[in-house]
Amino acid sequence: MTASTSRPRRVAKLPPRERILDAAEELFQSEGIRRVGVQAIAERAETTKMAIYRHFETKDALVMEWLRIVAADYQGAFDRVEARHPGRPREQILGLARFIADGLPSISHRGCPFINSIAELPDRSHPARQVIETHKAHQTRSLVGMCTEAGLRDPAQAAAAITFVLEGAQVSAHNGSIDQAGDHLMRIVEGILTQHGSSPDAPPASPEDS
């Protein structure tokens, strides 16, 4: 989700709608949703406000589409981790933790787009806020499923603990409160798996055991 360093040449090659989304992403990430106006997005995208409104009825619609793309990018990364470790739920969980840990240096500069956006969207009925909550709920269900397949005792509780760690690591990386947050993240997730009964050789739980 990091902006390209050769952005002027990139912008010139993008279709108008993608150019607008690219500019919106960069500005929302660096300055926040509320501080960025449509005119600023138009200037960054090398287009006009009228052109933006041809593609997006309102600024809120643009924010919602940007967050949909962010959610899809995250889900795609999670899907790749699952595919990389078929039938190995413990390794899938550790892969998700490693994905977040590896992304912490970027988050330390720009923050998590979901956490940043929620802070600016206190109304839970806001369509963009609902995109985030739907995405997070889907990830929670996936993580509970992995914990179940890994044979963990109380999969929902284990998934909740892992989620707390993943979310907390991103906040800590952003505010600089903990050094080497990625290393701490991996050790804590490994500890949760051990505490709840998972080991490298633990077989997945069978349907008869649930």
N, C-alpha and C. Protein backbone atom coordinates (compact mmCIF):
# COMPACT_ATOMS: atom_id res chain seq x y z
N MET A 1 0.80 -1.20 0.00
CA MET A 1 0.00 0.00 0.00
C MET A 1 0.85 1.27 0.00
N THR A 2 2.15 1.11 -0.20
CA THR A 2 3.03 2.26 -0.19
C THR A 2 3.00 2.94 -1.55
N ALA A 3 3.02 4.27 -1.55
CA ALA A 3 2.96 5.01 -2.80
C ALA A 3 4.24 4.82 -3.59
N SER A 4 4.11 4.84 -4.90
CA SER A 4 5.26 4.69 -5.77
C SER A 4 6.13 5.93 -5.74
N THR A 5 7.47 5.74 -5.82
CA THR A 5 8.38 6.88 -5.83
C THR A 5 8.40 7.56 -7.19
N SER A 6 7.97 6.86 -8.23
CA SER A 6 7.94 7.46 -9.57
C SER A 6 6.51 7.77 -9.96
N ARG A 7 5.80 8.38 -9.03
CA ARG A 7 4.36 8.56 -9.18
C ARG A 7 3.93 9.38 -10.39
N PRO A 8 4.59 10.49 -10.77
CA PRO A 8 4.11 11.26 -11.92
C PRO A 8 4.00 10.43 -13.19
N ARG A 9 4.99 9.57 -13.45
CA ARG A 9 4.92 8.71 -14.65
C ARG A 9 3.82 7.67 -14.50
N ARG A 10 3.63 7.17 -13.27
CA ARG A 10 2.59 6.17 -13.03
C ARG A 10 1.21 6.78 -13.25
N VAL A 11 1.00 7.98 -12.73
CA VAL A 11 -0.30 8.63 -12.86
C VAL A 11 -0.68 8.80 -14.33
N ALA A 12 0.26 9.18 -15.12
CA ALA A 12 -0.03 9.43 -16.53
C ALA A 12 -0.50 8.18 -17.25
N LYS A 13 -0.13 7.00 -16.74
CA LYS A 13 -0.47 5.75 -17.42
C LYS A 13 -1.76 5.13 -16.92
N LEU A 14 -2.29 5.61 -15.79
CA LEU A 14 -3.48 5.00 -15.21
C LEU A 14 -4.75 5.53 -15.85
N PRO A 15 -5.78 4.69 -15.99
CA PRO A 15 -7.10 5.19 -16.41
C PRO A 15 -7.64 6.16 -15.36
N PRO A 16 -8.58 7.03 -15.74
CA PRO A 16 -9.05 8.07 -14.82
C PRO A 16 -9.52 7.57 -13.46
N ARG A 17 -10.35 6.51 -13.44
CA ARG A 17 -10.88 6.04 -12.16
C ARG A 17 -9.77 5.52 -11.25
N GLU A 18 -8.83 4.76 -11.82
CA GLU A 18 -7.73 4.24 -11.02
C GLU A 18 -6.81 5.36 -10.57
N ARG A 19 -6.67 6.38 -11.42
CA ARG A 19 -5.83 7.53 -11.06
C ARG A 19 -6.41 8.26 -9.84
N ILE A 20 -7.73 8.39 -9.82
CA ILE A 20 -8.41 9.03 -8.69
C ILE A 20 -8.23 8.22 -7.42
N LEU A 21 -8.42 6.91 -7.51
CA LEU A 21 -8.27 6.04 -6.35
C LEU A 21 -6.83 6.04 -5.85
N ASP A 22 -5.89 6.04 -6.76
CA ASP A 22 -4.48 6.06 -6.38
C ASP A 22 -4.16 7.34 -5.61
N ALA A 23 -4.65 8.48 -6.11
CA ALA A 23 -4.41 9.75 -5.44
C ALA A 23 -5.10 9.80 -4.09
N ALA A 24 -6.34 9.30 -4.05
CA ALA A 24 -7.09 9.30 -2.79
C ALA A 24 -6.38 8.46 -1.75
N GLU A 25 -5.90 7.29 -2.14
CA GLU A 25 -5.18 6.42 -1.20
C GLU A 25 -3.97 7.13 -0.60
N GLU A 26 -3.18 7.77 -1.46
CA GLU A 26 -1.98 8.43 -0.97
C GLU A 26 -2.33 9.56 0.00
N LEU A 27 -3.33 10.33 -0.33
CA LEU A 27 -3.70 11.47 0.52
C LEU A 27 -4.39 11.02 1.80
N PHE A 28 -5.30 10.05 1.70
CA PHE A 28 -5.99 9.56 2.90
C PHE A 28 -4.98 8.96 3.88
N GLN A 29 -4.00 8.24 3.36
CA GLN A 29 -3.01 7.61 4.21
C GLN A 29 -2.08 8.64 4.86
N SER A 30 -1.70 9.64 4.12
CA SER A 30 -0.71 10.60 4.63
C SER A 30 -1.33 11.73 5.44
N GLU A 31 -2.59 12.11 5.12
CA GLU A 31 -3.18 13.29 5.77
C GLU A 31 -4.49 13.00 6.49
N GLY A 32 -5.10 11.86 6.25
CA GLY A 32 -6.37 11.54 6.89
C GLY A 32 -7.55 11.82 5.99
N ILE A 33 -8.64 11.14 6.27
CA ILE A 33 -9.84 11.26 5.43
C ILE A 33 -10.46 12.63 5.52
N ARG A 34 -10.65 13.14 6.74
CA ARG A 34 -11.38 14.39 6.94
C ARG A 34 -10.61 15.61 6.44
N ARG A 35 -9.30 15.55 6.52
CA ARG A 35 -8.50 16.72 6.13
C ARG A 35 -8.37 16.87 4.63
N VAL A 36 -8.65 15.80 3.89
CA VAL A 36 -8.44 15.81 2.44
C VAL A 36 -9.76 16.13 1.73
N GLY A 37 -9.76 17.16 0.94
CA GLY A 37 -10.94 17.51 0.16
C GLY A 37 -10.89 16.96 -1.25
N VAL A 38 -12.02 17.02 -1.91
CA VAL A 38 -12.10 16.49 -3.28
C VAL A 38 -11.18 17.27 -4.22
N GLN A 39 -11.05 18.58 -3.99
CA GLN A 39 -10.18 19.38 -4.86
C GLN A 39 -8.74 18.92 -4.76
N ALA A 40 -8.28 18.60 -3.55
CA ALA A 40 -6.90 18.12 -3.38
C ALA A 40 -6.70 16.79 -4.10
N ILE A 41 -7.70 15.92 -4.04
CA ILE A 41 -7.60 14.64 -4.73
C ILE A 41 -7.54 14.87 -6.24
N ALA A 42 -8.36 15.79 -6.72
CA ALA A 42 -8.37 16.09 -8.16
C ALA A 42 -7.01 16.59 -8.62
N GLU A 43 -6.42 17.47 -7.83
CA GLU A 43 -5.11 18.00 -8.21
C GLU A 43 -4.05 16.91 -8.21
N ARG A 44 -4.07 16.06 -7.19
CA ARG A 44 -3.08 14.98 -7.13
C ARG A 44 -3.28 14.00 -8.28
N ALA A 45 -4.52 13.77 -8.67
CA ALA A 45 -4.83 12.83 -9.75
C ALA A 45 -4.71 13.46 -11.14
N GLU A 46 -4.40 14.74 -11.17
CA GLU A 46 -4.29 15.47 -12.44
C GLU A 46 -5.59 15.39 -13.22
N THR A 47 -6.69 15.69 -12.50
CA THR A 47 -8.01 15.71 -13.13
C THR A 47 -8.83 16.83 -12.49
N THR A 48 -10.15 16.76 -12.59
CA THR A 48 -11.02 17.81 -12.06
C THR A 48 -12.01 17.21 -11.07
N LYS A 49 -12.59 18.09 -10.24
CA LYS A 49 -13.62 17.64 -9.31
C LYS A 49 -14.80 17.04 -10.07
N MET A 50 -15.16 17.66 -11.18
CA MET A 50 -16.28 17.15 -11.97
C MET A 50 -16.01 15.72 -12.44
N ALA A 51 -14.77 15.46 -12.83
CA ALA A 51 -14.41 14.11 -13.27
C ALA A 51 -14.53 13.11 -12.12
N ILE A 52 -14.13 13.53 -10.93
CA ILE A 52 -14.24 12.64 -9.77
C ILE A 52 -15.70 12.29 -9.52
N TYR A 53 -16.57 13.30 -9.57
CA TYR A 53 -17.98 13.05 -9.30
C TYR A 53 -18.67 12.25 -10.40
N ARG A 54 -18.04 12.16 -11.57
CA ARG A 54 -18.56 11.26 -12.60
C ARG A 54 -18.34 9.81 -12.21
N HIS A 55 -17.27 9.55 -11.47
CA HIS A 55 -16.95 8.18 -11.08
C HIS A 55 -17.47 7.83 -9.68
N PHE A 56 -17.55 8.83 -8.81
CA PHE A 56 -17.97 8.60 -7.42
C PHE A 56 -18.98 9.69 -7.05
N GLU A 57 -20.17 9.26 -6.67
CA GLU A 57 -21.26 10.21 -6.42
C GLU A 57 -20.91 11.20 -5.31
N THR A 58 -20.20 10.73 -4.28
CA THR A 58 -19.83 11.56 -3.15
C THR A 58 -18.41 11.21 -2.70
N LYS A 59 -17.85 12.06 -1.85
CA LYS A 59 -16.54 11.73 -1.27
C LYS A 59 -16.64 10.45 -0.43
N ASP A 60 -17.75 10.28 0.29
CA ASP A 60 -17.93 9.07 1.08
C ASP A 60 -17.88 7.82 0.21
N ALA A 61 -18.46 7.92 -0.99
CA ALA A 61 -18.41 6.78 -1.90
C ALA A 61 -16.98 6.46 -2.32
N LEU A 62 -16.18 7.51 -2.49
CA LEU A 62 -14.77 7.32 -2.84
C LEU A 62 -14.02 6.68 -1.68
N VAL A 63 -14.28 7.14 -0.45
CA VAL A 63 -13.65 6.55 0.73
C VAL A 63 -14.02 5.08 0.84
N MET A 64 -15.30 4.77 0.62
CA MET A 64 -15.78 3.39 0.73
C MET A 64 -15.09 2.50 -0.30
N GLU A 65 -14.95 2.97 -1.52
CA GLU A 65 -14.30 2.16 -2.56
C GLU A 65 -12.82 1.97 -2.25
N TRP A 66 -12.16 3.01 -1.74
CA TRP A 66 -10.76 2.86 -1.35
C TRP A 66 -10.61 1.78 -0.28
N LEU A 67 -11.48 1.80 0.73
CA LEU A 67 -11.38 0.82 1.80
C LEU A 67 -11.72 -0.59 1.31
N ARG A 68 -12.62 -0.69 0.34
CA ARG A 68 -12.91 -2.00 -0.26
C ARG A 68 -11.64 -2.57 -0.90
N ILE A 69 -10.90 -1.71 -1.59
CA ILE A 69 -9.66 -2.15 -2.24
C ILE A 69 -8.62 -2.56 -1.20
N VAL A 70 -8.50 -1.77 -0.13
CA VAL A 70 -7.56 -2.11 0.94
C VAL A 70 -7.93 -3.47 1.54
N ALA A 71 -9.22 -3.66 1.81
CA ALA A 71 -9.69 -4.93 2.38
C ALA A 71 -9.39 -6.09 1.43
N ALA A 72 -9.61 -5.88 0.15
CA ALA A 72 -9.34 -6.94 -0.84
C ALA A 72 -7.86 -7.27 -0.89
N ASP A 73 -7.01 -6.25 -0.77
CA ASP A 73 -5.56 -6.49 -0.77
C ASP A 73 -5.15 -7.32 0.44
N TYR A 74 -5.68 -6.97 1.62
CA TYR A 74 -5.38 -7.73 2.82
C TYR A 74 -5.90 -9.16 2.69
N GLN A 75 -7.12 -9.31 2.21
CA GLN A 75 -7.69 -10.65 2.09
C GLN A 75 -6.89 -11.49 1.10
N GLY A 76 -6.43 -10.84 0.03
CA GLY A 76 -5.61 -11.56 -0.94
C GLY A 76 -4.33 -12.08 -0.32
N ALA A 77 -3.71 -11.25 0.53
CA ALA A 77 -2.48 -11.68 1.21
C ALA A 77 -2.77 -12.84 2.16
N PHE A 78 -3.89 -12.76 2.89
CA PHE A 78 -4.27 -13.85 3.79
C PHE A 78 -4.56 -15.13 3.01
N ASP A 79 -5.23 -15.01 1.88
CA ASP A 79 -5.53 -16.18 1.05
C ASP A 79 -4.24 -16.85 0.58
N ARG A 80 -3.24 -16.04 0.23
CA ARG A 80 -1.96 -16.60 -0.24
C ARG A 80 -1.26 -17.36 0.88
N VAL A 81 -1.37 -16.85 2.10
CA VAL A 81 -0.76 -17.54 3.24
C VAL A 81 -1.44 -18.90 3.43
N GLU A 82 -2.76 -18.93 3.35
CA GLU A 82 -3.48 -20.20 3.48
C GLU A 82 -3.08 -21.18 2.38
N ALA A 83 -2.97 -20.68 1.15
CA ALA A 83 -2.62 -21.55 0.03
C ALA A 83 -1.19 -22.07 0.14
N ARG A 84 -0.34 -21.30 0.79
CA ARG A 84 1.07 -21.69 0.92
C ARG A 84 1.24 -22.85 1.90
N HIS A 85 0.28 -23.00 2.82
CA HIS A 85 0.37 -24.04 3.84
C HIS A 85 -0.92 -24.87 3.87
N PRO A 86 -1.24 -25.57 2.77
CA PRO A 86 -2.51 -26.32 2.73
C PRO A 86 -2.54 -27.43 3.77
N GLY A 87 -3.66 -27.51 4.51
CA GLY A 87 -3.81 -28.56 5.50
C GLY A 87 -2.93 -28.40 6.73
N ARG A 88 -2.31 -27.24 6.89
CA ARG A 88 -1.43 -26.99 8.04
C ARG A 88 -1.89 -25.72 8.75
N PRO A 89 -2.97 -25.80 9.50
CA PRO A 89 -3.56 -24.59 10.09
C PRO A 89 -2.64 -23.84 11.03
N ARG A 90 -1.79 -24.56 11.78
CA ARG A 90 -0.87 -23.86 12.68
C ARG A 90 0.08 -22.98 11.88
N GLU A 91 0.61 -23.52 10.78
CA GLU A 91 1.51 -22.74 9.94
C GLU A 91 0.77 -21.59 9.25
N GLN A 92 -0.49 -21.80 8.95
CA GLN A 92 -1.29 -20.71 8.37
C GLN A 92 -1.41 -19.56 9.37
N ILE A 93 -1.69 -19.89 10.63
CA ILE A 93 -1.81 -18.85 11.65
C ILE A 93 -0.50 -18.10 11.82
N LEU A 94 0.60 -18.84 11.89
CA LEU A 94 1.90 -18.20 12.02
C LEU A 94 2.23 -17.38 10.76
N GLY A 95 1.77 -17.85 9.61
CA GLY A 95 1.98 -17.10 8.37
C GLY A 95 1.25 -15.77 8.39
N LEU A 96 0.02 -15.77 8.93
CA LEU A 96 -0.72 -14.52 9.06
C LEU A 96 0.00 -13.56 9.99
N ALA A 97 0.51 -14.10 11.11
CA ALA A 97 1.25 -13.27 12.05
C ALA A 97 2.50 -12.70 11.40
N ARG A 98 3.20 -13.53 10.60
CA ARG A 98 4.40 -13.06 9.93
C ARG A 98 4.07 -11.99 8.90
N PHE A 99 2.94 -12.14 8.21
CA PHE A 99 2.52 -11.12 7.24
C PHE A 99 2.34 -9.77 7.93
N ILE A 100 1.67 -9.76 9.09
CA ILE A 100 1.48 -8.52 9.83
C ILE A 100 2.82 -8.01 10.35
N ALA A 101 3.64 -8.90 10.90
CA ALA A 101 4.94 -8.49 11.45
C ALA A 101 5.81 -7.85 10.38
N ASP A 102 5.82 -8.43 9.18
CA ASP A 102 6.65 -7.90 8.10
C ASP A 102 6.15 -6.53 7.63
N GLY A 103 4.86 -6.25 7.84
CA GLY A 103 4.31 -4.98 7.40
C GLY A 103 4.42 -3.87 8.43
N LEU A 104 4.91 -4.19 9.63
CA LEU A 104 4.97 -3.18 10.70
C LEU A 104 5.88 -1.99 10.38
N PRO A 105 7.03 -2.17 9.71
CA PRO A 105 7.84 -0.99 9.40
C PRO A 105 7.09 0.05 8.57
N SER A 106 6.27 -0.40 7.61
CA SER A 106 5.47 0.54 6.82
C SER A 106 4.41 1.20 7.69
N ILE A 107 3.77 0.41 8.56
CA ILE A 107 2.74 0.95 9.44
C ILE A 107 3.32 1.97 10.40
N SER A 108 4.60 1.79 10.79
CA SER A 108 5.21 2.73 11.74
C SER A 108 5.24 4.14 11.17
N HIS A 109 5.25 4.26 9.84
CA HIS A 109 5.28 5.58 9.21
C HIS A 109 3.89 6.10 8.88
N ARG A 110 3.00 5.22 8.45
CA ARG A 110 1.71 5.66 7.92
C ARG A 110 0.52 5.20 8.74
N GLY A 111 0.71 4.17 9.56
CA GLY A 111 -0.39 3.64 10.35
C GLY A 111 -1.22 2.65 9.55
N CYS A 112 -2.00 1.84 10.25
CA CYS A 112 -2.90 0.90 9.60
C CYS A 112 -4.07 1.68 9.00
N PRO A 113 -4.38 1.47 7.72
CA PRO A 113 -5.47 2.23 7.11
C PRO A 113 -6.81 1.99 7.78
N PHE A 114 -7.04 0.79 8.31
CA PHE A 114 -8.32 0.51 8.97
C PHE A 114 -8.40 1.23 10.31
N ILE A 115 -7.34 1.13 11.11
CA ILE A 115 -7.34 1.80 12.41
C ILE A 115 -7.44 3.31 12.24
N ASN A 116 -6.67 3.85 11.29
CA ASN A 116 -6.73 5.29 11.04
C ASN A 116 -8.14 5.72 10.63
N SER A 117 -8.75 4.94 9.76
CA SER A 117 -10.07 5.31 9.23
C SER A 117 -11.15 5.22 10.29
N ILE A 118 -11.10 4.17 11.13
CA ILE A 118 -12.10 4.03 12.19
C ILE A 118 -12.07 5.23 13.13
N ALA A 119 -10.85 5.75 13.39
CA ALA A 119 -10.73 6.91 14.26
C ALA A 119 -11.45 8.13 13.68
N GLU A 120 -11.56 8.16 12.35
CA GLU A 120 -12.20 9.30 11.69
C GLU A 120 -13.66 9.02 11.32
N LEU A 121 -14.11 7.80 11.56
CA LEU A 121 -15.48 7.42 11.20
C LEU A 121 -16.18 6.85 12.44
N PRO A 122 -16.51 7.69 13.42
CA PRO A 122 -17.10 7.19 14.66
C PRO A 122 -18.51 6.62 14.49
N ASP A 123 -19.22 7.05 13.45
CA ASP A 123 -20.58 6.58 13.21
C ASP A 123 -20.52 5.18 12.60
N ARG A 124 -20.94 4.18 13.37
CA ARG A 124 -20.85 2.80 12.89
C ARG A 124 -21.78 2.51 11.73
N SER A 125 -22.73 3.39 11.47
CA SER A 125 -23.63 3.19 10.33
C SER A 125 -23.05 3.77 9.03
N HIS A 126 -21.92 4.45 9.12
CA HIS A 126 -21.30 5.02 7.92
C HIS A 126 -20.90 3.88 6.99
N PRO A 127 -21.24 3.98 5.70
CA PRO A 127 -20.95 2.88 4.77
C PRO A 127 -19.48 2.46 4.75
N ALA A 128 -18.56 3.42 4.84
CA ALA A 128 -17.14 3.08 4.82
C ALA A 128 -16.75 2.35 6.09
N ARG A 129 -17.31 2.75 7.22
CA ARG A 129 -17.04 2.05 8.48
C ARG A 129 -17.56 0.61 8.40
N GLN A 130 -18.70 0.41 7.75
CA GLN A 130 -19.26 -0.93 7.61
C GLN A 130 -18.37 -1.82 6.74
N VAL A 131 -17.69 -1.22 5.76
CA VAL A 131 -16.74 -2.00 4.96
C VAL A 131 -15.65 -2.58 5.85
N ILE A 132 -15.14 -1.75 6.76
CA ILE A 132 -14.08 -2.20 7.67
C ILE A 132 -14.60 -3.29 8.59
N GLU A 133 -15.77 -3.08 9.18
CA GLU A 133 -16.30 -4.04 10.14
C GLU A 133 -16.63 -5.37 9.47
N THR A 134 -17.13 -5.33 8.25
CA THR A 134 -17.41 -6.56 7.51
C THR A 134 -16.11 -7.32 7.23
N HIS A 135 -15.09 -6.58 6.83
CA HIS A 135 -13.78 -7.19 6.57
C HIS A 135 -13.22 -7.82 7.83
N LYS A 136 -13.26 -7.11 8.94
CA LYS A 136 -12.71 -7.63 10.19
C LYS A 136 -13.49 -8.86 10.66
N ALA A 137 -14.81 -8.84 10.51
CA ALA A 137 -15.63 -9.98 10.93
C ALA A 137 -15.28 -11.21 10.10
N HIS A 138 -15.06 -11.02 8.80
CA HIS A 138 -14.69 -12.14 7.93
C HIS A 138 -13.34 -12.72 8.35
N GLN A 139 -12.38 -11.86 8.66
CA GLN A 139 -11.08 -12.34 9.08
C GLN A 139 -11.16 -13.08 10.41
N THR A 140 -12.01 -12.60 11.31
CA THR A 140 -12.18 -13.28 12.60
C THR A 140 -12.74 -14.68 12.40
N ARG A 141 -13.75 -14.80 11.54
CA ARG A 141 -14.32 -16.12 11.26
C ARG A 141 -13.27 -17.05 10.66
N SER A 142 -12.45 -16.52 9.76
CA SER A 142 -11.40 -17.34 9.15
C SER A 142 -10.39 -17.80 10.20
N LEU A 143 -10.03 -16.90 11.12
CA LEU A 143 -9.05 -17.25 12.14
C LEU A 143 -9.62 -18.27 13.12
N VAL A 144 -10.89 -18.12 13.48
CA VAL A 144 -11.52 -19.12 14.35
C VAL A 144 -11.51 -20.49 13.65
N GLY A 145 -11.78 -20.50 12.35
CA GLY A 145 -11.74 -21.75 11.61
C GLY A 145 -10.36 -22.39 11.63
N MET A 146 -9.32 -21.57 11.46
CA MET A 146 -7.95 -22.10 11.52
C MET A 146 -7.65 -22.67 12.90
N CYS A 147 -8.06 -21.94 13.94
CA CYS A 147 -7.82 -22.41 15.30
C CYS A 147 -8.56 -23.71 15.58
N THR A 148 -9.75 -23.84 15.02
CA THR A 148 -10.51 -25.08 15.17
C THR A 148 -9.79 -26.23 14.47
N GLU A 149 -9.37 -26.00 13.23
CA GLU A 149 -8.68 -27.03 12.47
C GLU A 149 -7.34 -27.41 13.10
N ALA A 150 -6.72 -26.47 13.80
CA ALA A 150 -5.45 -26.74 14.47
C ALA A 150 -5.63 -27.52 15.76
N GLY A 151 -6.88 -27.76 16.16
CA GLY A 151 -7.15 -28.53 17.36
C GLY A 151 -6.96 -27.77 18.65
N LEU A 152 -7.05 -26.43 18.58
CA LEU A 152 -6.85 -25.63 19.78
C LEU A 152 -8.05 -25.75 20.73
N ARG A 153 -7.77 -25.76 22.02
CA ARG A 153 -8.85 -25.69 23.01
C ARG A 153 -9.46 -24.29 22.94
N ASP A 154 -10.77 -24.22 22.91
CA ASP A 154 -11.51 -22.95 22.84
C ASP A 154 -11.00 -22.09 21.67
N PRO A 155 -11.29 -22.51 20.45
CA PRO A 155 -10.79 -21.79 19.27
C PRO A 155 -11.19 -20.32 19.23
N ALA A 156 -12.42 -20.01 19.68
CA ALA A 156 -12.86 -18.61 19.65
C ALA A 156 -12.01 -17.75 20.57
N GLN A 157 -11.68 -18.29 21.76
CA GLN A 157 -10.85 -17.54 22.69
C GLN A 157 -9.43 -17.39 22.16
N ALA A 158 -8.91 -18.44 21.54
CA ALA A 158 -7.57 -18.36 20.96
C ALA A 158 -7.53 -17.34 19.83
N ALA A 159 -8.56 -17.35 18.98
CA ALA A 159 -8.62 -16.40 17.87
C ALA A 159 -8.72 -14.97 18.40
N ALA A 160 -9.49 -14.77 19.48
CA ALA A 160 -9.61 -13.44 20.07
C ALA A 160 -8.26 -12.95 20.58
N ALA A 161 -7.52 -13.84 21.25
CA ALA A 161 -6.21 -13.46 21.78
C ALA A 161 -5.25 -13.11 20.65
N ILE A 162 -5.26 -13.90 19.60
CA ILE A 162 -4.37 -13.62 18.46
C ILE A 162 -4.75 -12.30 17.80
N THR A 163 -6.06 -12.06 17.67
CA THR A 163 -6.51 -10.80 17.07
C THR A 163 -6.06 -9.61 17.89
N PHE A 164 -6.19 -9.71 19.22
CA PHE A 164 -5.72 -8.62 20.08
C PHE A 164 -4.24 -8.34 19.82
N VAL A 165 -3.45 -9.38 19.68
CA VAL A 165 -2.02 -9.21 19.47
C VAL A 165 -1.73 -8.58 18.10
N LEU A 166 -2.40 -9.06 17.07
CA LEU A 166 -2.18 -8.52 15.73
C LEU A 166 -2.56 -7.04 15.67
N GLU A 167 -3.72 -6.70 16.24
CA GLU A 167 -4.17 -5.30 16.22
C GLU A 167 -3.26 -4.44 17.10
N GLY A 168 -2.92 -4.97 18.29
CA GLY A 168 -2.09 -4.19 19.20
C GLY A 168 -0.70 -3.93 18.66
N ALA A 169 -0.14 -4.90 17.95
CA ALA A 169 1.19 -4.72 17.37
C ALA A 169 1.19 -3.58 16.36
N GLN A 170 0.10 -3.45 15.61
CA GLN A 170 0.04 -2.39 14.61
C GLN A 170 -0.03 -1.02 15.27
N VAL A 171 -0.81 -0.91 16.33
CA VAL A 171 -0.89 0.35 17.05
C VAL A 171 0.46 0.68 17.69
N SER A 172 1.10 -0.32 18.30
CA SER A 172 2.39 -0.09 18.96
C SER A 172 3.46 0.31 17.96
N ALA A 173 3.44 -0.30 16.77
CA ALA A 173 4.41 0.07 15.75
C ALA A 173 4.20 1.51 15.29
N HIS A 174 2.94 1.91 15.19
CA HIS A 174 2.64 3.26 14.71
C HIS A 174 3.06 4.31 15.73
N ASN A 175 2.79 4.07 17.01
CA ASN A 175 3.13 5.10 18.00
C ASN A 175 4.54 4.94 18.58
N GLY A 176 5.26 3.89 18.14
CA GLY A 176 6.64 3.73 18.55
C GLY A 176 6.84 3.34 20.00
N SER A 177 5.81 2.77 20.63
CA SER A 177 5.89 2.48 22.06
C SER A 177 6.69 1.22 22.39
N ILE A 178 6.86 0.32 21.39
CA ILE A 178 7.56 -0.94 21.63
C ILE A 178 8.58 -1.16 20.53
N ASP A 179 9.82 -1.40 20.93
CA ASP A 179 10.86 -1.73 19.96
C ASP A 179 10.70 -3.18 19.50
N GLN A 180 11.09 -3.43 18.27
CA GLN A 180 11.05 -4.78 17.69
C GLN A 180 9.66 -5.42 17.88
N ALA A 181 8.65 -4.66 17.52
CA ALA A 181 7.27 -5.13 17.71
C ALA A 181 7.00 -6.42 16.94
N GLY A 182 7.60 -6.57 15.77
CA GLY A 182 7.38 -7.78 14.98
C GLY A 182 7.88 -9.03 15.68
N ASP A 183 9.04 -8.94 16.31
CA ASP A 183 9.57 -10.09 17.04
C ASP A 183 8.67 -10.44 18.23
N HIS A 184 8.22 -9.41 18.94
CA HIS A 184 7.31 -9.65 20.07
C HIS A 184 6.01 -10.30 19.57
N LEU A 185 5.51 -9.81 18.45
CA LEU A 185 4.28 -10.35 17.89
C LEU A 185 4.40 -11.84 17.63
N MET A 186 5.49 -12.25 16.98
CA MET A 186 5.64 -13.66 16.64
C MET A 186 5.78 -14.52 17.89
N ARG A 187 6.53 -14.07 18.86
CA ARG A 187 6.70 -14.86 20.09
C ARG A 187 5.37 -15.02 20.84
N ILE A 188 4.59 -13.95 20.89
CA ILE A 188 3.32 -14.01 21.63
C ILE A 188 2.34 -14.94 20.92
N VAL A 189 2.25 -14.86 19.59
CA VAL A 189 1.34 -15.74 18.85
C VAL A 189 1.76 -17.19 19.02
N GLU A 190 3.06 -17.47 18.97
CA GLU A 190 3.53 -18.83 19.20
C GLU A 190 3.16 -19.30 20.61
N GLY A 191 3.25 -18.37 21.58
CA GLY A 191 2.88 -18.71 22.94
C GLY A 191 1.39 -19.01 23.08
N ILE A 192 0.56 -18.27 22.37
CA ILE A 192 -0.88 -18.52 22.40
C ILE A 192 -1.19 -19.90 21.84
N LEU A 193 -0.54 -20.24 20.73
CA LEU A 193 -0.77 -21.56 20.14
C LEU A 193 -0.36 -22.67 21.10
N THR A 194 0.76 -22.49 21.77
CA THR A 194 1.22 -23.49 22.73
C THR A 194 0.26 -23.56 23.92
N GLN A 195 -0.13 -22.41 24.43
CA GLN A 195 -1.03 -22.37 25.58
C GLN A 195 -2.36 -23.05 25.30
N HIS A 196 -2.84 -22.92 24.07
CA HIS A 196 -4.14 -23.49 23.73
C HIS A 196 -4.03 -24.89 23.13
N GLY A 197 -2.82 -25.44 23.14
CA GLY A 197 -2.71 -26.85 22.81
C GLY A 197 -2.20 -27.20 21.44
N SER A 198 -1.66 -26.21 20.69
CA SER A 198 -1.15 -26.52 19.36
C SER A 198 0.35 -26.74 19.41
N SER A 199 0.82 -27.75 18.69
CA SER A 199 2.25 -27.98 18.52
C SER A 199 2.50 -28.24 17.05
N PRO A 200 3.76 -28.15 16.59
CA PRO A 200 4.03 -28.37 15.16
C PRO A 200 3.49 -29.69 14.64
N ASP A 201 3.40 -30.72 15.51
CA ASP A 201 2.96 -32.04 15.05
C ASP A 201 1.50 -32.32 15.37
N ALA A 202 0.78 -31.31 15.93
CA ALA A 202 -0.61 -31.55 16.32
C ALA A 202 -1.49 -31.70 15.09
N PRO A 203 -2.26 -32.81 14.98
CA PRO A 203 -3.14 -32.99 13.81
C PRO A 203 -4.35 -32.10 13.94
N PRO A 204 -4.98 -31.71 12.81
CA PRO A 204 -6.21 -30.93 12.86
C PRO A 204 -7.30 -31.70 13.59
N ALA A 205 -8.21 -30.94 14.21
CA ALA A 205 -9.33 -31.58 14.89
C ALA A 205 -10.26 -32.22 13.86
N SER A 206 -10.74 -33.42 14.16
CA SER A 206 -11.67 -34.09 13.26
C SER A 206 -13.08 -33.63 13.56
N PRO A 207 -14.01 -33.73 12.60
CA PRO A 207 -15.38 -33.32 12.86
C PRO A 207 -15.98 -34.04 14.05
N GLU A 208 -15.56 -35.34 14.28
CA GLU A 208 -16.12 -36.09 15.38
C GLU A 208 -15.69 -35.54 16.73
N ASP A 209 -14.54 -34.82 16.78
CA ASP A 209 -14.04 -34.29 18.03
C ASP A 209 -14.69 -32.97 18.41
N SER A 210 -15.36 -32.31 17.46
CA SER A 210 -15.93 -31.00 17.74
C SER A 210 -17.33 -31.11 18.27
